[in-house]
């Protein structure tokens, strides 16, 4: 993230560590292997659908994945999956 033209200019810093945490019991209940977290965006989407529970009236009682928590870092997702926020070209 802090690399420009192959040279490191800075590194991101934060007082917290972000990672993908999963509840093995909920994985088992959803029919997922509790020892294998998702490895791709497609798997993450699939796992999230399988882990989400709703009531008949549509209320969500269990969310499979909530990428906005904590709310100050969702813009980093693009970096976690080798994306770019800007291609360097003028708008």
PDB file of N, CA and C in Angstrom:
ATOM      1  N   UNK A   1       0.819  -1.184   0.000  1.00  0.00           N
ATOM      2  CA  UNK A   1       0.000   0.000   0.000  1.00  0.00           C
ATOM      3  C   UNK A   1       0.866   1.252   0.000  1.00  0.00           C
ATOM      4  N   UNK A   2       2.033   1.190   0.565  1.00  0.00           N
ATOM      5  CA  UNK A   2       2.913   2.348   0.593  1.00  0.00           C
ATOM      6  C   UNK A   2       4.002   2.287  -0.462  1.00  0.00           C
ATOM      7  N   UNK A   3       3.781   1.499  -1.518  1.00  0.00           N
ATOM      8  CA  UNK A   3       4.788   1.334  -2.564  1.00  0.00           C
ATOM      9  C   UNK A   3       4.405   2.142  -3.800  1.00  0.00           C
ATOM     10  N   UNK A   4       5.385   2.874  -4.348  1.00  0.00           N
ATOM     11  CA  UNK A   4       5.196   3.632  -5.580  1.00  0.00           C
ATOM     12  C   UNK A   4       6.389   3.362  -6.486  1.00  0.00           C
ATOM     13  N   UNK A   5       6.090   2.886  -7.680  1.00  0.00           N
ATOM     14  CA  UNK A   5       7.132   2.546  -8.660  1.00  0.00           C
ATOM     15  C   UNK A   5       8.202   1.633  -8.062  1.00  0.00           C
ATOM     16  N   UNK A   6       7.730   0.627  -7.306  1.00  0.00           N
ATOM     17  CA  UNK A   6       8.627  -0.377  -6.766  1.00  0.00           C
ATOM     18  C   UNK A   6       9.406   0.027  -5.529  1.00  0.00           C
ATOM     19  N   UNK A   7       9.182   1.220  -5.022  1.00  0.00           N
ATOM     20  CA  UNK A   7       9.918   1.677  -3.838  1.00  0.00           C
ATOM     21  C   UNK A   7       8.955   1.917  -2.674  1.00  0.00           C
ATOM     22  N   UNK A   8       9.327   1.432  -1.491  1.00  0.00           N
ATOM     23  CA  UNK A   8       8.500   1.588  -0.311  1.00  0.00           C
ATOM     24  C   UNK A   8       8.668   2.999   0.255  1.00  0.00           C
ATOM     25  N   UNK A   9       7.564   3.736   0.343  1.00  0.00           N
ATOM     26  CA  UNK A   9       7.593   5.099   0.876  1.00  0.00           C
ATOM     27  C   UNK A   9       6.928   5.203   2.247  1.00  0.00           C
ATOM     28  N   UNK A  10       6.093   4.268   2.592  1.00  0.00           N
ATOM     29  CA  UNK A  10       5.430   4.308   3.881  1.00  0.00           C
ATOM     30  C   UNK A  10       4.652   3.030   4.103  1.00  0.00           C
ATOM     31  N   UNK A  11       4.298   2.813   5.329  1.00  0.00           N
ATOM     32  CA  UNK A  11       3.494   1.641   5.646  1.00  0.00           C
ATOM     33  C   UNK A  11       2.300   2.095   6.479  1.00  0.00           C
ATOM     34  N   UNK A  12       1.156   1.468   6.265  1.00  0.00           N
ATOM     35  CA  UNK A  12      -0.011   1.837   7.071  1.00  0.00           C
ATOM     36  C   UNK A  12       0.205   1.433   8.522  1.00  0.00           C
ATOM     37  N   UNK A  13      -0.352   2.197   9.405  1.00  0.00           N
ATOM     38  CA  UNK A  13      -0.236   1.901  10.823  1.00  0.00           C
ATOM     39  C   UNK A  13      -1.591   2.117  11.481  1.00  0.00           C
ATOM     40  N   UNK A  14      -1.892   1.293  12.432  1.00  0.00           N
ATOM     41  CA  UNK A  14      -3.166   1.398  13.129  1.00  0.00           C
ATOM     42  C   UNK A  14      -3.010   0.816  14.537  1.00  0.00           C
ATOM     43  N   UNK A  15      -3.799   1.285  15.462  1.00  0.00           N
ATOM     44  CA  UNK A  15      -3.703   0.756  16.823  1.00  0.00           C
ATOM     45  C   UNK A  15      -4.441  -0.567  17.012  1.00  0.00           C
ATOM     46  N   UNK A  16      -4.938  -1.148  15.934  1.00  0.00           N
ATOM     47  CA  UNK A  16      -5.672  -2.405  16.039  1.00  0.00           C
ATOM     48  C   UNK A  16      -5.235  -3.340  14.915  1.00  0.00           C
ATOM     49  N   UNK A  17      -5.511  -4.591  15.070  1.00  0.00           N
ATOM     50  CA  UNK A  17      -5.203  -5.577  14.054  1.00  0.00           C
ATOM     51  C   UNK A  17      -6.497  -6.065  13.440  1.00  0.00           C
ATOM     52  N   UNK A  18      -6.560  -6.020  12.117  1.00  0.00           N
ATOM     53  CA  UNK A  18      -7.755  -6.519  11.439  1.00  0.00           C
ATOM     54  C   UNK A  18      -7.479  -7.910  10.903  1.00  0.00           C
ATOM     55  N   UNK A  19      -8.472  -8.709  10.887  1.00  0.00           N
ATOM     56  CA  UNK A  19      -8.346 -10.062  10.374  1.00  0.00           C
ATOM     57  C   UNK A  19      -9.718 -10.659  10.219  1.00  0.00           C
ATOM     58  N   UNK A  20      -9.770 -11.809   9.632  1.00  0.00           N
ATOM     59  CA  UNK A  20     -11.036 -12.501   9.475  1.00  0.00           C
ATOM     60  C   UNK A  20     -11.158 -13.500  10.619  1.00  0.00           C
ATOM     61  N   UNK A  21     -12.094 -13.251  11.487  1.00  0.00           N
ATOM     62  CA  UNK A  21     -12.364 -14.145  12.607  1.00  0.00           C
ATOM     63  C   UNK A  21     -13.625 -14.931  12.283  1.00  0.00           C
ATOM     64  N   UNK A  22     -13.659 -16.186  12.637  1.00  0.00           N
ATOM     65  CA  UNK A  22     -14.861 -16.958  12.390  1.00  0.00           C
ATOM     66  C   UNK A  22     -15.189 -17.825  13.593  1.00  0.00           C
ATOM     67  N   UNK A  23     -16.480 -18.089  13.730  1.00  0.00           N
ATOM     68  CA  UNK A  23     -16.997 -18.884  14.834  1.00  0.00           C
ATOM     69  C   UNK A  23     -17.170 -20.316  14.325  1.00  0.00           C
ATOM     70  N   UNK A  24     -16.358 -21.213  14.840  1.00  0.00           N
ATOM     71  CA  UNK A  24     -16.364 -22.591  14.342  1.00  0.00           C
ATOM     72  C   UNK A  24     -17.693 -23.294  14.587  1.00  0.00           C
ATOM     73  N   UNK A  25     -18.342 -22.987  15.689  1.00  0.00           N
ATOM     74  CA  UNK A  25     -19.643 -23.607  15.958  1.00  0.00           C
ATOM     75  C   UNK A  25     -20.678 -23.163  14.919  1.00  0.00           C
ATOM     76  N   UNK A  26     -20.648 -21.889  14.553  1.00  0.00           N
ATOM     77  CA  UNK A  26     -21.582 -21.397  13.537  1.00  0.00           C
ATOM     78  C   UNK A  26     -21.254 -21.983  12.165  1.00  0.00           C
ATOM     79  N   UNK A  27     -19.983 -22.173  11.887  1.00  0.00           N
ATOM     80  CA  UNK A  27     -19.587 -22.824  10.625  1.00  0.00           C
ATOM     81  C   UNK A  27     -20.172 -24.238  10.577  1.00  0.00           C
ATOM     82  N   UNK A  28     -20.004 -24.994  11.668  1.00  0.00           N
ATOM     83  CA  UNK A  28     -20.545 -26.357  11.713  1.00  0.00           C
ATOM     84  C   UNK A  28     -22.055 -26.347  11.495  1.00  0.00           C
ATOM     85  N   UNK A  29     -22.746 -25.444  12.178  1.00  0.00           N
ATOM     86  CA  UNK A  29     -24.204 -25.368  12.072  1.00  0.00           C
ATOM     87  C   UNK A  29     -24.663 -25.028  10.651  1.00  0.00           C
ATOM     88  N   UNK A  30     -23.825 -24.319   9.912  1.00  0.00           N
ATOM     89  CA  UNK A  30     -24.164 -23.934   8.537  1.00  0.00           C
ATOM     90  C   UNK A  30     -23.684 -24.970   7.521  1.00  0.00           C
ATOM     91  N   UNK A  31     -23.070 -26.057   7.991  1.00  0.00           N
ATOM     92  CA  UNK A  31     -22.587 -27.092   7.095  1.00  0.00           C
ATOM     93  C   UNK A  31     -21.249 -26.774   6.456  1.00  0.00           C
ATOM     94  N   UNK A  32     -20.498 -25.859   7.066  1.00  0.00           N
ATOM     95  CA  UNK A  32     -19.182 -25.476   6.554  1.00  0.00           C
ATOM     96  C   UNK A  32     -18.090 -26.134   7.383  1.00  0.00           C
ATOM     97  N   UNK A  33     -16.939 -26.341   6.776  1.00  0.00           N
ATOM     98  CA  UNK A  33     -15.795 -26.914   7.484  1.00  0.00           C
ATOM     99  C   UNK A  33     -15.256 -25.856   8.455  1.00  0.00           C
ATOM    100  N   UNK A  34     -15.327 -26.102   9.754  1.00  0.00           N
ATOM    101  CA  UNK A  34     -14.894 -25.098  10.727  1.00  0.00           C
ATOM    102  C   UNK A  34     -13.387 -24.847  10.729  1.00  0.00           C
ATOM    103  N   UNK A  35     -12.621 -25.709  10.081  1.00  0.00           N
ATOM    104  CA  UNK A  35     -11.168 -25.542  10.031  1.00  0.00           C
ATOM    105  C   UNK A  35     -10.701 -24.858   8.745  1.00  0.00           C
ATOM    106  N   UNK A  36     -11.655 -24.481   7.875  1.00  0.00           N
ATOM    107  CA  UNK A  36     -11.282 -23.888   6.594  1.00  0.00           C
ATOM    108  C   UNK A  36     -12.033 -22.579   6.358  1.00  0.00           C
ATOM    109  N   UNK A  37     -11.364 -21.454   6.578  1.00  0.00           N
ATOM    110  CA  UNK A  37     -12.007 -20.163   6.301  1.00  0.00           C
ATOM    111  C   UNK A  37     -12.107 -19.943   4.794  1.00  0.00           C
ATOM    112  N   UNK A  38     -12.920 -18.997   4.363  1.00  0.00           N
ATOM    113  CA  UNK A  38     -13.005 -18.710   2.924  1.00  0.00           C
ATOM    114  C   UNK A  38     -11.664 -18.208   2.394  1.00  0.00           C
ATOM    115  N   UNK A  39     -11.359 -18.583   1.156  1.00  0.00           N
ATOM    116  CA  UNK A  39     -10.071 -18.227   0.556  1.00  0.00           C
ATOM    117  C   UNK A  39     -10.196 -17.277  -0.629  1.00  0.00           C
ATOM    118  N   UNK A  40     -11.403 -17.079  -1.096  1.00  0.00           N
ATOM    119  CA  UNK A  40     -11.631 -16.174  -2.226  1.00  0.00           C
ATOM    120  C   UNK A  40     -12.850 -15.312  -1.918  1.00  0.00           C
ATOM    121  N   UNK A  41     -13.035 -14.259  -2.697  1.00  0.00           N
ATOM    122  CA  UNK A  41     -14.229 -13.423  -2.530  1.00  0.00           C
ATOM    123  C   UNK A  41     -15.483 -14.243  -2.802  1.00  0.00           C
ATOM    124  N   UNK A  42     -15.441 -15.103  -3.817  1.00  0.00           N
ATOM    125  CA  UNK A  42     -16.602 -15.944  -4.119  1.00  0.00           C
ATOM    126  C   UNK A  42     -16.945 -16.846  -2.935  1.00  0.00           C
ATOM    127  N   UNK A  43     -15.930 -17.434  -2.315  1.00  0.00           N
ATOM    128  CA  UNK A  43     -16.175 -18.265  -1.132  1.00  0.00           C
ATOM    129  C   UNK A  43     -16.690 -17.421   0.025  1.00  0.00           C
ATOM    130  N   UNK A  44     -16.139 -16.244   0.215  1.00  0.00           N
ATOM    131  CA  UNK A  44     -16.602 -15.360   1.288  1.00  0.00           C
ATOM    132  C   UNK A  44     -18.084 -15.034   1.094  1.00  0.00           C
ATOM    133  N   UNK A  45     -18.473 -14.726  -0.126  1.00  0.00           N
ATOM    134  CA  UNK A  45     -19.887 -14.450  -0.418  1.00  0.00           C
ATOM    135  C   UNK A  45     -20.760 -15.670  -0.135  1.00  0.00           C
ATOM    136  N   UNK A  46     -20.294 -16.843  -0.566  1.00  0.00           N
ATOM    137  CA  UNK A  46     -21.046 -18.083  -0.358  1.00  0.00           C
ATOM    138  C   UNK A  46     -21.179 -18.391   1.130  1.00  0.00           C
ATOM    139  N   UNK A  47     -20.074 -18.278   1.869  1.00  0.00           N
ATOM    140  CA  UNK A  47     -20.112 -18.531   3.314  1.00  0.00           C
ATOM    141  C   UNK A  47     -21.056 -17.550   4.001  1.00  0.00           C
ATOM    142  N   UNK A  48     -20.993 -16.289   3.607  1.00  0.00           N
ATOM    143  CA  UNK A  48     -21.847 -15.271   4.230  1.00  0.00           C
ATOM    144  C   UNK A  48     -23.318 -15.615   4.043  1.00  0.00           C
ATOM    145  N   UNK A  49     -23.685 -16.062   2.832  1.00  0.00           N
ATOM    146  CA  UNK A  49     -25.084 -16.461   2.593  1.00  0.00           C
ATOM    147  C   UNK A  49     -25.475 -17.635   3.481  1.00  0.00           C
ATOM    148  N   UNK A  50     -24.587 -18.619   3.592  1.00  0.00           N
ATOM    149  CA  UNK A  50     -24.892 -19.811   4.385  1.00  0.00           C
ATOM    150  C   UNK A  50     -24.942 -19.506   5.880  1.00  0.00           C
ATOM    151  N   UNK A  51     -24.208 -18.519   6.323  1.00  0.00           N
ATOM    152  CA  UNK A  51     -24.160 -18.178   7.753  1.00  0.00           C
ATOM    153  C   UNK A  51     -25.244 -17.198   8.189  1.00  0.00           C
ATOM    154  N   UNK A  52     -25.861 -16.503   7.252  1.00  0.00           N
ATOM    155  CA  UNK A  52     -26.876 -15.504   7.583  1.00  0.00           C
ATOM    156  C   UNK A  52     -28.204 -16.189   7.896  1.00  0.00           C
ATOM    157  N   UNK A  53     -28.830 -15.749   8.969  1.00  0.00           N
ATOM    158  CA  UNK A  53     -30.132 -16.281   9.389  1.00  0.00           C
ATOM    159  C   UNK A  53     -31.125 -15.129   9.485  1.00  0.00           C
ATOM    160  N   UNK A  54     -32.343 -15.372   9.025  1.00  0.00           N
ATOM    161  CA  UNK A  54     -33.397 -14.354   9.104  1.00  0.00           C
ATOM    162  C   UNK A  54     -34.674 -14.970   9.669  1.00  0.00           C
ATOM    163  N   UNK A  55     -35.494 -14.109  10.227  1.00  0.00           N
ATOM    164  CA  UNK A  55     -36.818 -14.513  10.699  1.00  0.00           C
ATOM    165  C   UNK A  55     -37.777 -14.490   9.509  1.00  0.00           C
ATOM    166  N   UNK A  56     -38.957 -15.040   9.688  1.00  0.00           N
ATOM    167  CA  UNK A  56     -39.956 -15.046   8.610  1.00  0.00           C
ATOM    168  C   UNK A  56     -40.341 -13.645   8.153  1.00  0.00           C
ATOM    169  N   UNK A  57     -40.281 -12.694   9.078  1.00  0.00           N
ATOM    170  CA  UNK A  57     -40.651 -11.318   8.727  1.00  0.00           C
ATOM    171  C   UNK A  57     -39.485 -10.559   8.070  1.00  0.00           C
ATOM    172  N   UNK A  58     -38.344 -11.244   7.844  1.00  0.00           N
ATOM    173  CA  UNK A  58     -37.218 -10.624   7.170  1.00  0.00           C
ATOM    174  C   UNK A  58     -36.148 -10.056   8.083  1.00  0.00           C
ATOM    175  N   UNK A  59     -36.415 -10.010   9.384  1.00  0.00           N
ATOM    176  CA  UNK A  59     -35.398  -9.504  10.313  1.00  0.00           C
ATOM    177  C   UNK A  59     -34.183 -10.419  10.330  1.00  0.00           C
ATOM    178  N   UNK A  60     -33.010  -9.825  10.270  1.00  0.00           N
ATOM    179  CA  UNK A  60     -31.769 -10.596  10.324  1.00  0.00           C
ATOM    180  C   UNK A  60     -31.459 -10.903  11.785  1.00  0.00           C
ATOM    181  N   UNK A  61     -31.267 -12.175  12.089  1.00  0.00           N
ATOM    182  CA  UNK A  61     -30.919 -12.582  13.452  1.00  0.00           C
ATOM    183  C   UNK A  61     -29.457 -13.000  13.565  1.00  0.00           C
ATOM    184  N   UNK A  62     -28.845 -13.307  12.431  1.00  0.00           N
ATOM    185  CA  UNK A  62     -27.417 -13.656  12.399  1.00  0.00           C
ATOM    186  C   UNK A  62     -26.881 -13.226  11.040  1.00  0.00           C
ATOM    187  N   UNK A  63     -25.837 -12.412  11.062  1.00  0.00           N
ATOM    188  CA  UNK A  63     -25.242 -11.941   9.807  1.00  0.00           C
ATOM    189  C   UNK A  63     -23.992 -12.769   9.523  1.00  0.00           C
ATOM    190  N   UNK A  64     -23.842 -13.213   8.294  1.00  0.00           N
ATOM    191  CA  UNK A  64     -22.728 -14.064   7.922  1.00  0.00           C
ATOM    192  C   UNK A  64     -21.407 -13.338   7.784  1.00  0.00           C
ATOM    193  N   UNK A  65     -21.473 -12.080   7.374  1.00  0.00           N
ATOM    194  CA  UNK A  65     -20.251 -11.284   7.195  1.00  0.00           C
ATOM    195  C   UNK A  65     -20.654  -9.823   7.229  1.00  0.00           C
ATOM    196  N   UNK A  66     -19.922  -9.035   7.985  1.00  0.00           N
ATOM    197  CA  UNK A  66     -20.222  -7.610   8.110  1.00  0.00           C
ATOM    198  C   UNK A  66     -18.943  -6.826   7.833  1.00  0.00           C
ATOM    199  N   UNK A  67     -18.692  -6.482   6.564  1.00  0.00           N
ATOM    200  CA  UNK A  67     -17.414  -5.857   6.210  1.00  0.00           C
ATOM    201  C   UNK A  67     -17.243  -4.424   6.693  1.00  0.00           C
ATOM    202  N   UNK A  68     -18.250  -3.830   7.258  1.00  0.00           N
ATOM    203  CA  UNK A  68     -18.128  -2.445   7.720  1.00  0.00           C
ATOM    204  C   UNK A  68     -17.750  -2.328   9.178  1.00  0.00           C
ATOM    205  N   UNK A  69     -17.433  -3.434   9.820  1.00  0.00           N
ATOM    206  CA  UNK A  69     -17.010  -3.373  11.207  1.00  0.00           C
ATOM    207  C   UNK A  69     -15.548  -3.737  11.332  1.00  0.00           C
ATOM    208  N   UNK A  70     -14.717  -3.000  11.980  1.00  0.00           N
ATOM    209  CA  UNK A  70     -15.008  -1.675  12.505  1.00  0.00           C
ATOM    210  C   UNK A  70     -15.171  -0.667  11.368  1.00  0.00           C
ATOM    211  N   UNK A  71     -15.934   0.349  11.623  1.00  0.00           N
ATOM    212  CA  UNK A  71     -16.362   1.257  10.555  1.00  0.00           C
ATOM    213  C   UNK A  71     -15.265   2.132   9.976  1.00  0.00           C
ATOM    214  N   UNK A  72     -14.076   2.150  10.548  1.00  0.00           N
ATOM    215  CA  UNK A  72     -13.029   3.033  10.049  1.00  0.00           C
ATOM    216  C   UNK A  72     -12.093   2.377   9.047  1.00  0.00           C
ATOM    217  N   UNK A  73     -12.269   1.108   8.687  1.00  0.00           N
ATOM    218  CA  UNK A  73     -11.311   0.495   7.771  1.00  0.00           C
ATOM    219  C   UNK A  73     -11.873  -0.205   6.543  1.00  0.00           C
ATOM    220  N   UNK A  74     -13.148  -0.120   6.180  1.00  0.00           N
ATOM    221  CA  UNK A  74     -13.626  -0.891   5.028  1.00  0.00           C
ATOM    222  C   UNK A  74     -12.946  -0.540   3.705  1.00  0.00           C
ATOM    223  N   UNK A  75     -12.382   0.656   3.584  1.00  0.00           N
ATOM    224  CA  UNK A  75     -11.696   1.019   2.347  1.00  0.00           C
ATOM    225  C   UNK A  75     -10.432   0.194   2.132  1.00  0.00           C
ATOM    226  N   UNK A  76      -9.953  -0.513   3.150  1.00  0.00           N
ATOM    227  CA  UNK A  76      -8.773  -1.352   3.003  1.00  0.00           C
ATOM    228  C   UNK A  76      -9.067  -2.672   2.294  1.00  0.00           C
ATOM    229  N   UNK A  77     -10.343  -3.043   2.171  1.00  0.00           N
ATOM    230  CA  UNK A  77     -10.665  -4.325   1.541  1.00  0.00           C
ATOM    231  C   UNK A  77     -10.060  -4.443   0.150  1.00  0.00           C
ATOM    232  N   UNK A  78     -10.043  -3.338  -0.581  1.00  0.00           N
ATOM    233  CA  UNK A  78      -9.477  -3.378  -1.936  1.00  0.00           C
ATOM    234  C   UNK A  78      -8.016  -3.816  -1.896  1.00  0.00           C
ATOM    235  N   UNK A  79      -7.265  -3.410  -0.902  1.00  0.00           N
ATOM    236  CA  UNK A  79      -5.862  -3.798  -0.773  1.00  0.00           C
ATOM    237  C   UNK A  79      -5.693  -5.263  -0.379  1.00  0.00           C
ATOM    238  N   UNK A  80      -6.610  -5.767   0.415  1.00  0.00           N
ATOM    239  CA  UNK A  80      -6.515  -7.162   0.846  1.00  0.00           C
ATOM    240  C   UNK A  80      -6.664  -8.124  -0.329  1.00  0.00           C
ATOM    241  N   UNK A  81      -7.304  -7.669  -1.403  1.00  0.00           N
ATOM    242  CA  UNK A  81      -7.567  -8.541  -2.543  1.00  0.00           C
ATOM    243  C   UNK A  81      -6.909  -8.030  -3.821  1.00  0.00           C
ATOM    244  N   UNK A  82      -5.746  -7.379  -3.667  1.00  0.00           N
ATOM    245  CA  UNK A  82      -4.921  -6.931  -4.794  1.00  0.00           C
ATOM    246  C   UNK A  82      -5.630  -5.978  -5.743  1.00  0.00           C
ATOM    247  N   UNK A  83      -6.498  -5.144  -5.220  1.00  0.00           N
ATOM    248  CA  UNK A  83      -7.179  -4.146  -6.043  1.00  0.00           C
ATOM    249  C   UNK A  83      -6.503  -2.804  -5.946  1.00  0.00           C
ATOM    250  N   UNK A  84      -7.079  -1.823  -6.580  1.00  0.00           N
ATOM    251  CA  UNK A  84      -6.573  -0.459  -6.547  1.00  0.00           C
ATOM    252  C   UNK A  84      -7.733   0.501  -6.364  1.00  0.00           C
ATOM    253  N   UNK A  85      -7.506   1.575  -5.596  1.00  0.00           N
ATOM    254  CA  UNK A  85      -8.513   2.620  -5.471  1.00  0.00           C
ATOM    255  C   UNK A  85      -8.425   3.607  -6.624  1.00  0.00           C
ATOM    256  N   UNK A  86      -7.251   3.680  -7.242  1.00  0.00           N
ATOM    257  CA  UNK A  86      -7.016   4.639  -8.328  1.00  0.00           C
ATOM    258  C   UNK A  86      -5.981   4.062  -9.266  1.00  0.00           C
ATOM    259  N   UNK A  87      -6.194   4.183 -10.558  1.00  0.00           N
ATOM    260  CA  UNK A  87      -5.268   3.596 -11.531  1.00  0.00           C
ATOM    261  C   UNK A  87      -4.167   4.573 -11.961  1.00  0.00           C
ATOM    262  N   UNK A  88      -4.145   5.777 -11.393  1.00  0.00           N
ATOM    263  CA  UNK A  88      -3.121   6.752 -11.716  1.00  0.00           C
ATOM    264  C   UNK A  88      -3.450   7.643 -12.893  1.00  0.00           C
ATOM    265  N   UNK A  89      -4.486   7.297 -13.631  1.00  0.00           N
ATOM    266  CA  UNK A  89      -4.873   8.085 -14.800  1.00  0.00           C
ATOM    267  C   UNK A  89      -5.738   9.274 -14.378  1.00  0.00           C
ATOM    268  N   UNK A  90      -5.614  10.412 -15.068  1.00  0.00           N
ATOM    269  CA  UNK A  90      -6.479  11.545 -14.746  1.00  0.00           C
ATOM    270  C   UNK A  90      -7.941  11.193 -15.033  1.00  0.00           C
ATOM    271  N   UNK A  91      -8.805  11.786 -14.259  1.00  0.00           N
ATOM    272  CA  UNK A  91     -10.242  11.506 -14.422  1.00  0.00           C
ATOM    273  C   UNK A  91     -10.787  12.060 -15.703  1.00  0.00           C
TER     274      UNK A  91
END
